[in-house]
Amino acid sequence: MQEKYLHLYVNDRQLCELLGVGNDKGRAIIKALLPHGFPEKDPIFKMYYFPAVKAFLDLRNGIIEQQPMSALDGEESWNE
């Protein structure tokens, strides 16, 4: 099966499209899943890292058994 997404980072509209839901429903779903570990937007790109979203949903649906390690730890300071 070929992956549908072509970009690593997706905006709100693209994420909803990939999830197969409309924008309003998608925003409600994301809001409901955030307290359960749904990946937040990347602080630099201001978009969702889709492989992390896919890994979260795979874990939630029993496709994978372990939660992948997360390296995102906050905003980077490139001037130091």
PDB file of N, CA and C in Angstrom:
ATOM      1  N   MET A   1       0.840  -1.190   0.000  1.00  0.00           N
ATOM      2  CA  MET A   1       0.000   0.000   0.000  1.00  0.00           C
ATOM      3  C   MET A   1       0.878   1.243   0.000  1.00  0.00           C
ATOM      4  N   GLN A   2       0.618   2.145  -0.897  1.00  0.00           N
ATOM      5  CA  GLN A   2       1.395   3.375  -0.998  1.00  0.00           C
ATOM      6  C   GLN A   2       0.842   4.411  -0.026  1.00  0.00           C
ATOM      7  N   GLU A   3       1.746   5.114   0.662  1.00  0.00           N
ATOM      8  CA  GLU A   3       1.325   6.165   1.585  1.00  0.00           C
ATOM      9  C   GLU A   3       0.704   7.314   0.809  1.00  0.00           C
ATOM     10  N   LYS A   4      -0.350   7.916   1.369  1.00  0.00           N
ATOM     11  CA  LYS A   4      -1.049   9.006   0.694  1.00  0.00           C
ATOM     12  C   LYS A   4      -0.324  10.346   0.860  1.00  0.00           C
ATOM     13  N   TYR A   5       0.337  10.534   2.009  1.00  0.00           N
ATOM     14  CA  TYR A   5       0.957  11.830   2.238  1.00  0.00           C
ATOM     15  C   TYR A   5       2.299  11.926   1.514  1.00  0.00           C
ATOM     16  N   LEU A   6       2.606  13.098   1.027  1.00  0.00           N
ATOM     17  CA  LEU A   6       3.862  13.330   0.330  1.00  0.00           C
ATOM     18  C   LEU A   6       4.790  14.231   1.127  1.00  0.00           C
ATOM     19  N   HIS A   7       4.241  14.970   2.075  1.00  0.00           N
ATOM     20  CA  HIS A   7       5.015  15.907   2.862  1.00  0.00           C
ATOM     21  C   HIS A   7       5.110  15.418   4.298  1.00  0.00           C
ATOM     22  N   LEU A   8       6.215  15.708   4.953  1.00  0.00           N
ATOM     23  CA  LEU A   8       6.357  15.326   6.349  1.00  0.00           C
ATOM     24  C   LEU A   8       5.500  16.200   7.243  1.00  0.00           C
ATOM     25  N   TYR A   9       5.406  17.477   6.926  1.00  0.00           N
ATOM     26  CA  TYR A   9       4.611  18.410   7.726  1.00  0.00           C
ATOM     27  C   TYR A   9       3.347  18.775   6.959  1.00  0.00           C
ATOM     28  N   VAL A  10       2.216  18.744   7.663  1.00  0.00           N
ATOM     29  CA  VAL A  10       0.943  19.066   7.032  1.00  0.00           C
ATOM     30  C   VAL A  10       0.216  20.125   7.856  1.00  0.00           C
ATOM     31  N   ASN A  11      -0.551  20.969   7.176  1.00  0.00           N
ATOM     32  CA  ASN A  11      -1.326  21.985   7.882  1.00  0.00           C
ATOM     33  C   ASN A  11      -2.652  21.383   8.350  1.00  0.00           C
ATOM     34  N   ASP A  12      -3.473  22.172   8.995  1.00  0.00           N
ATOM     35  CA  ASP A  12      -4.744  21.686   9.544  1.00  0.00           C
ATOM     36  C   ASP A  12      -5.633  21.061   8.468  1.00  0.00           C
ATOM     37  N   ARG A  13      -5.783  21.749   7.361  1.00  0.00           N
ATOM     38  CA  ARG A  13      -6.650  21.263   6.286  1.00  0.00           C
ATOM     39  C   ARG A  13      -6.138  19.944   5.723  1.00  0.00           C
ATOM     40  N   GLN A  14      -4.829  19.870   5.469  1.00  0.00           N
ATOM     41  CA  GLN A  14      -4.240  18.645   4.936  1.00  0.00           C
ATOM     42  C   GLN A  14      -4.383  17.486   5.917  1.00  0.00           C
ATOM     43  N   LEU A  15      -4.202  17.766   7.209  1.00  0.00           N
ATOM     44  CA  LEU A  15      -4.334  16.716   8.214  1.00  0.00           C
ATOM     45  C   LEU A  15      -5.757  16.186   8.232  1.00  0.00           C
ATOM     46  N   CYS A  16      -6.731  17.073   8.211  1.00  0.00           N
ATOM     47  CA  CYS A  16      -8.129  16.630   8.198  1.00  0.00           C
ATOM     48  C   CYS A  16      -8.417  15.783   6.961  1.00  0.00           C
ATOM     49  N   GLU A  17      -7.872  16.202   5.822  1.00  0.00           N
ATOM     50  CA  GLU A  17      -8.063  15.437   4.590  1.00  0.00           C
ATOM     51  C   GLU A  17      -7.445  14.042   4.727  1.00  0.00           C
ATOM     52  N   LEU A  18      -6.247  13.967   5.281  1.00  0.00           N
ATOM     53  CA  LEU A  18      -5.587  12.677   5.466  1.00  0.00           C
ATOM     54  C   LEU A  18      -6.336  11.789   6.458  1.00  0.00           C
ATOM     55  N   LEU A  19      -6.984  12.411   7.439  1.00  0.00           N
ATOM     56  CA  LEU A  19      -7.774  11.653   8.409  1.00  0.00           C
ATOM     57  C   LEU A  19      -9.133  11.255   7.843  1.00  0.00           C
ATOM     58  N   GLY A  20      -9.508  11.857   6.723  1.00  0.00           N
ATOM     59  CA  GLY A  20     -10.771  11.519   6.082  1.00  0.00           C
ATOM     60  C   GLY A  20     -11.981  12.176   6.705  1.00  0.00           C
ATOM     61  N   VAL A  21     -11.770  13.339   7.316  1.00  0.00           N
ATOM     62  CA  VAL A  21     -12.866  14.065   7.954  1.00  0.00           C
ATOM     63  C   VAL A  21     -12.845  15.521   7.505  1.00  0.00           C
ATOM     64  N   GLY A  22     -13.956  16.215   7.687  1.00  0.00           N
ATOM     65  CA  GLY A  22     -14.029  17.636   7.375  1.00  0.00           C
ATOM     66  C   GLY A  22     -13.234  18.459   8.379  1.00  0.00           C
ATOM     67  N   ASN A  23     -13.030  19.718   8.057  1.00  0.00           N
ATOM     68  CA  ASN A  23     -12.218  20.595   8.907  1.00  0.00           C
ATOM     69  C   ASN A  23     -12.793  20.763  10.309  1.00  0.00           C
ATOM     70  N   ASP A  24     -14.102  21.002  10.425  1.00  0.00           N
ATOM     71  CA  ASP A  24     -14.703  21.207  11.751  1.00  0.00           C
ATOM     72  C   ASP A  24     -14.605  19.947  12.606  1.00  0.00           C
ATOM     73  N   LYS A  25     -14.950  18.822  12.019  1.00  0.00           N
ATOM     74  CA  LYS A  25     -14.872  17.560  12.756  1.00  0.00           C
ATOM     75  C   LYS A  25     -13.418  17.230  13.097  1.00  0.00           C
ATOM     76  N   GLY A  26     -12.516  17.486  12.161  1.00  0.00           N
ATOM     77  CA  GLY A  26     -11.097  17.224  12.393  1.00  0.00           C
ATOM     78  C   GLY A  26     -10.550  18.031  13.558  1.00  0.00           C
ATOM     79  N   ARG A  27     -10.897  19.308  13.625  1.00  0.00           N
ATOM     80  CA  ARG A  27     -10.430  20.148  14.736  1.00  0.00           C
ATOM     81  C   ARG A  27     -10.966  19.630  16.073  1.00  0.00           C
ATOM     82  N   ALA A  28     -12.217  19.179  16.070  1.00  0.00           N
ATOM     83  CA  ALA A  28     -12.811  18.630  17.305  1.00  0.00           C
ATOM     84  C   ALA A  28     -12.103  17.333  17.717  1.00  0.00           C
ATOM     85  N   ILE A  29     -11.791  16.497  16.741  1.00  0.00           N
ATOM     86  CA  ILE A  29     -11.093  15.241  17.033  1.00  0.00           C
ATOM     87  C   ILE A  29      -9.706  15.517  17.597  1.00  0.00           C
ATOM     88  N   ILE A  30      -8.975  16.423  16.965  1.00  0.00           N
ATOM     89  CA  ILE A  30      -7.623  16.759  17.427  1.00  0.00           C
ATOM     90  C   ILE A  30      -7.674  17.307  18.846  1.00  0.00           C
ATOM     91  N   LYS A  31      -8.607  18.202  19.107  1.00  0.00           N
ATOM     92  CA  LYS A  31      -8.751  18.786  20.447  1.00  0.00           C
ATOM     93  C   LYS A  31      -9.033  17.695  21.482  1.00  0.00           C
ATOM     94  N   ALA A  32      -9.865  16.731  21.119  1.00  0.00           N
ATOM     95  CA  ALA A  32     -10.203  15.643  22.044  1.00  0.00           C
ATOM     96  C   ALA A  32      -9.025  14.695  22.275  1.00  0.00           C
ATOM     97  N   LEU A  33      -8.166  14.536  21.267  1.00  0.00           N
ATOM     98  CA  LEU A  33      -7.049  13.589  21.383  1.00  0.00           C
ATOM     99  C   LEU A  33      -5.777  14.202  21.968  1.00  0.00           C
ATOM    100  N   LEU A  34      -5.658  15.529  21.958  1.00  0.00           N
ATOM    101  CA  LEU A  34      -4.444  16.176  22.488  1.00  0.00           C
ATOM    102  C   LEU A  34      -4.111  15.749  23.924  1.00  0.00           C
ATOM    103  N   PRO A  35      -5.081  15.676  24.844  1.00  0.00           N
ATOM    104  CA  PRO A  35      -4.745  15.252  26.209  1.00  0.00           C
ATOM    105  C   PRO A  35      -4.281  13.793  26.302  1.00  0.00           C
ATOM    106  N   HIS A  36      -4.484  13.041  25.223  1.00  0.00           N
ATOM    107  CA  HIS A  36      -4.113  11.626  25.215  1.00  0.00           C
ATOM    108  C   HIS A  36      -2.812  11.375  24.462  1.00  0.00           C
ATOM    109  N   GLY A  37      -2.097  12.452  24.125  1.00  0.00           N
ATOM    110  CA  GLY A  37      -0.792  12.304  23.491  1.00  0.00           C
ATOM    111  C   GLY A  37      -0.747  12.576  22.007  1.00  0.00           C
ATOM    112  N   PHE A  38      -1.852  13.050  21.434  1.00  0.00           N
ATOM    113  CA  PHE A  38      -1.827  13.403  20.009  1.00  0.00           C
ATOM    114  C   PHE A  38      -0.734  14.448  19.796  1.00  0.00           C
ATOM    115  N   PRO A  39       0.111  14.280  18.788  1.00  0.00           N
ATOM    116  CA  PRO A  39       1.220  15.221  18.570  1.00  0.00           C
ATOM    117  C   PRO A  39       0.736  16.653  18.333  1.00  0.00           C
ATOM    118  N   GLU A  40       1.389  17.584  18.986  1.00  0.00           N
ATOM    119  CA  GLU A  40       1.069  18.999  18.778  1.00  0.00           C
ATOM    120  C   GLU A  40       1.813  19.503  17.548  1.00  0.00           C
ATOM    121  N   LYS A  41       1.446  20.693  17.109  1.00  0.00           N
ATOM    122  CA  LYS A  41       2.142  21.298  15.976  1.00  0.00           C
ATOM    123  C   LYS A  41       3.596  21.556  16.355  1.00  0.00           C
ATOM    124  N   ASP A  42       4.474  21.381  15.381  1.00  0.00           N
ATOM    125  CA  ASP A  42       5.882  21.669  15.579  1.00  0.00           C
ATOM    126  C   ASP A  42       6.055  23.169  15.788  1.00  0.00           C
ATOM    127  N   PRO A  43       6.827  23.579  16.805  1.00  0.00           N
ATOM    128  CA  PRO A  43       6.948  25.012  17.101  1.00  0.00           C
ATOM    129  C   PRO A  43       7.674  25.818  16.024  1.00  0.00           C
ATOM    130  N   ILE A  44       8.478  25.177  15.202  1.00  0.00           N
ATOM    131  CA  ILE A  44       9.188  25.901  14.145  1.00  0.00           C
ATOM    132  C   ILE A  44       8.369  25.925  12.858  1.00  0.00           C
ATOM    133  N   PHE A  45       7.875  24.767  12.455  1.00  0.00           N
ATOM    134  CA  PHE A  45       7.116  24.678  11.208  1.00  0.00           C
ATOM    135  C   PHE A  45       5.671  25.152  11.354  1.00  0.00           C
ATOM    136  N   LYS A  46       5.163  25.149  12.583  1.00  0.00           N
ATOM    137  CA  LYS A  46       3.766  25.530  12.842  1.00  0.00           C
ATOM    138  C   LYS A  46       2.790  24.609  12.102  1.00  0.00           C
ATOM    139  N   MET A  47       3.212  23.357  11.913  1.00  0.00           N
ATOM    140  CA  MET A  47       2.389  22.345  11.262  1.00  0.00           C
ATOM    141  C   MET A  47       2.583  21.025  12.005  1.00  0.00           C
ATOM    142  N   TYR A  48       1.762  20.044  11.648  1.00  0.00           N
ATOM    143  CA  TYR A  48       1.851  18.724  12.257  1.00  0.00           C
ATOM    144  C   TYR A  48       2.874  17.867  11.510  1.00  0.00           C
ATOM    145  N   TYR A  49       3.708  17.146  12.256  1.00  0.00           N
ATOM    146  CA  TYR A  49       4.636  16.186  11.669  1.00  0.00           C
ATOM    147  C   TYR A  49       3.843  14.908  11.438  1.00  0.00           C
ATOM    148  N   PHE A  50       3.478  14.648  10.193  1.00  0.00           N
ATOM    149  CA  PHE A  50       2.530  13.586   9.920  1.00  0.00           C
ATOM    150  C   PHE A  50       2.998  12.190  10.338  1.00  0.00           C
ATOM    151  N   PRO A  51       4.283  11.823  10.192  1.00  0.00           N
ATOM    152  CA  PRO A  51       4.682  10.501  10.680  1.00  0.00           C
ATOM    153  C   PRO A  51       4.405  10.311  12.180  1.00  0.00           C
ATOM    154  N   ALA A  52       4.498  11.375  12.979  1.00  0.00           N
ATOM    155  CA  ALA A  52       4.187  11.270  14.411  1.00  0.00           C
ATOM    156  C   ALA A  52       2.684  11.087  14.621  1.00  0.00           C
ATOM    157  N   VAL A  53       1.887  11.783  13.812  1.00  0.00           N
ATOM    158  CA  VAL A  53       0.429  11.618  13.894  1.00  0.00           C
ATOM    159  C   VAL A  53       0.064  10.192  13.530  1.00  0.00           C
ATOM    160  N   LYS A  54       0.651   9.676  12.464  1.00  0.00           N
ATOM    161  CA  LYS A  54       0.374   8.306  12.027  1.00  0.00           C
ATOM    162  C   LYS A  54       0.801   7.311  13.101  1.00  0.00           C
ATOM    163  N   ALA A  55       1.969   7.516  13.712  1.00  0.00           N
ATOM    164  CA  ALA A  55       2.441   6.612  14.766  1.00  0.00           C
ATOM    165  C   ALA A  55       1.494   6.639  15.963  1.00  0.00           C
ATOM    166  N   PHE A  56       1.004   7.828  16.337  1.00  0.00           N
ATOM    167  CA  PHE A  56       0.041   7.940  17.438  1.00  0.00           C
ATOM    168  C   PHE A  56      -1.222   7.142  17.127  1.00  0.00           C
ATOM    169  N   LEU A  57      -1.751   7.321  15.926  1.00  0.00           N
ATOM    170  CA  LEU A  57      -2.981   6.625  15.554  1.00  0.00           C
ATOM    171  C   LEU A  57      -2.756   5.123  15.412  1.00  0.00           C
ATOM    172  N   ASP A  58      -1.584   4.722  14.909  1.00  0.00           N
ATOM    173  CA  ASP A  58      -1.262   3.293  14.830  1.00  0.00           C
ATOM    174  C   ASP A  58      -1.221   2.676  16.226  1.00  0.00           C
ATOM    175  N   LEU A  59      -0.619   3.376  17.172  1.00  0.00           N
ATOM    176  CA  LEU A  59      -0.555   2.899  18.552  1.00  0.00           C
ATOM    177  C   LEU A  59      -1.964   2.833  19.146  1.00  0.00           C
ATOM    178  N   ARG A  60      -2.736   3.863  18.941  1.00  0.00           N
ATOM    179  CA  ARG A  60      -4.095   3.929  19.477  1.00  0.00           C
ATOM    180  C   ARG A  60      -4.982   2.812  18.942  1.00  0.00           C
ATOM    181  N   ASN A  61      -4.722   2.403  17.696  1.00  0.00           N
ATOM    182  CA  ASN A  61      -5.537   1.375  17.059  1.00  0.00           C
ATOM    183  C   ASN A  61      -4.924  -0.019  17.124  1.00  0.00           C
ATOM    184  N   GLY A  62      -3.846  -0.163  17.901  1.00  0.00           N
ATOM    185  CA  GLY A  62      -3.247  -1.474  18.100  1.00  0.00           C
ATOM    186  C   GLY A  62      -2.399  -1.983  16.945  1.00  0.00           C
ATOM    187  N   ILE A  63      -2.035  -1.108  16.025  1.00  0.00           N
ATOM    188  CA  ILE A  63      -1.196  -1.511  14.892  1.00  0.00           C
ATOM    189  C   ILE A  63       0.247  -1.698  15.352  1.00  0.00           C
ATOM    190  N   ILE A  64       0.706  -0.836  16.236  1.00  0.00           N
ATOM    191  CA  ILE A  64       2.030  -0.983  16.844  1.00  0.00           C
ATOM    192  C   ILE A  64       1.834  -1.112  18.347  1.00  0.00           C
ATOM    193  N   GLU A  65       2.783  -1.753  19.006  1.00  0.00           N
ATOM    194  CA  GLU A  65       2.631  -2.034  20.430  1.00  0.00           C
ATOM    195  C   GLU A  65       3.376  -1.077  21.338  1.00  0.00           C
ATOM    196  N   GLN A  66       4.381  -0.395  20.839  1.00  0.00           N
ATOM    197  CA  GLN A  66       5.159   0.525  21.667  1.00  0.00           C
ATOM    198  C   GLN A  66       5.003   1.932  21.140  1.00  0.00           C
ATOM    199  N   GLN A  67       5.002   2.855  22.079  1.00  0.00           N
ATOM    200  CA  GLN A  67       4.972   4.252  21.679  1.00  0.00           C
ATOM    201  C   GLN A  67       6.362   4.631  21.188  1.00  0.00           C
ATOM    202  N   PRO A  68       6.465   5.215  19.986  1.00  0.00           N
ATOM    203  CA  PRO A  68       7.775   5.625  19.481  1.00  0.00           C
ATOM    204  C   PRO A  68       8.373   6.732  20.338  1.00  0.00           C
ATOM    205  N   MET A  69       9.695   6.796  20.348  1.00  0.00           N
ATOM    206  CA  MET A  69      10.374   7.855  21.103  1.00  0.00           C
ATOM    207  C   MET A  69      10.109   9.188  20.432  1.00  0.00           C
ATOM    208  N   SER A  70       9.928  10.211  21.231  1.00  0.00           N
ATOM    209  CA  SER A  70       9.692  11.544  20.717  1.00  0.00           C
ATOM    210  C   SER A  70      10.903  12.414  21.005  1.00  0.00           C
ATOM    211  N   ALA A  71      11.401  13.078  19.975  1.00  0.00           N
ATOM    212  CA  ALA A  71      12.566  13.935  20.148  1.00  0.00           C
ATOM    213  C   ALA A  71      12.185  15.405  20.268  1.00  0.00           C
ATOM    214  N   LEU A  72      10.949  15.747  19.989  1.00  0.00           N
ATOM    215  CA  LEU A  72      10.522  17.138  20.034  1.00  0.00           C
ATOM    216  C   LEU A  72      10.451  17.588  21.482  1.00  0.00           C
ATOM    217  N   ASP A  73      11.244  18.585  21.851  1.00  0.00           N
ATOM    218  CA  ASP A  73      11.290  19.015  23.240  1.00  0.00           C
ATOM    219  C   ASP A  73      11.055  20.505  23.421  1.00  0.00           C
ATOM    220  N   GLY A  74      10.601  21.168  22.405  1.00  0.00           N
ATOM    221  CA  GLY A  74      10.323  22.593  22.533  1.00  0.00           C
ATOM    222  C   GLY A  74      10.969  23.390  21.405  1.00  0.00           C
ATOM    223  N   GLU A  75      10.832  24.684  21.491  1.00  0.00           N
ATOM    224  CA  GLU A  75      11.357  25.547  20.450  1.00  0.00           C
ATOM    225  C   GLU A  75      12.872  25.594  20.514  1.00  0.00           C
ATOM    226  N   GLU A  76      13.482  25.579  19.337  1.00  0.00           N
ATOM    227  CA  GLU A  76      14.939  25.626  19.234  1.00  0.00           C
ATOM    228  C   GLU A  76      15.426  27.072  19.221  1.00  0.00           C
ATOM    229  N   SER A  77      16.627  27.293  19.758  1.00  0.00           N
ATOM    230  CA  SER A  77      17.242  28.600  19.700  1.00  0.00           C
ATOM    231  C   SER A  77      18.474  28.496  18.806  1.00  0.00           C
ATOM    232  N   TRP A  78      18.368  28.990  17.599  1.00  0.00           N
ATOM    233  CA  TRP A  78      19.431  28.827  16.616  1.00  0.00           C
ATOM    234  C   TRP A  78      20.535  29.877  16.756  1.00  0.00           C
ATOM    235  N   ASN A  79      20.369  30.824  17.656  1.00  0.00           N
ATOM    236  CA  ASN A  79      21.356  31.909  17.806  1.00  0.00           C
ATOM    237  C   ASN A  79      22.333  31.700  18.943  1.00  0.00           C
ATOM    238  N   GLU A  80      22.314  30.551  19.567  1.00  0.00           N
ATOM    239  CA  GLU A  80      23.222  30.298  20.693  1.00  0.00           C
ATOM    240  C   GLU A  80      24.494  29.661  20.243  1.00  0.00           C
TER     241      GLU A  80
END
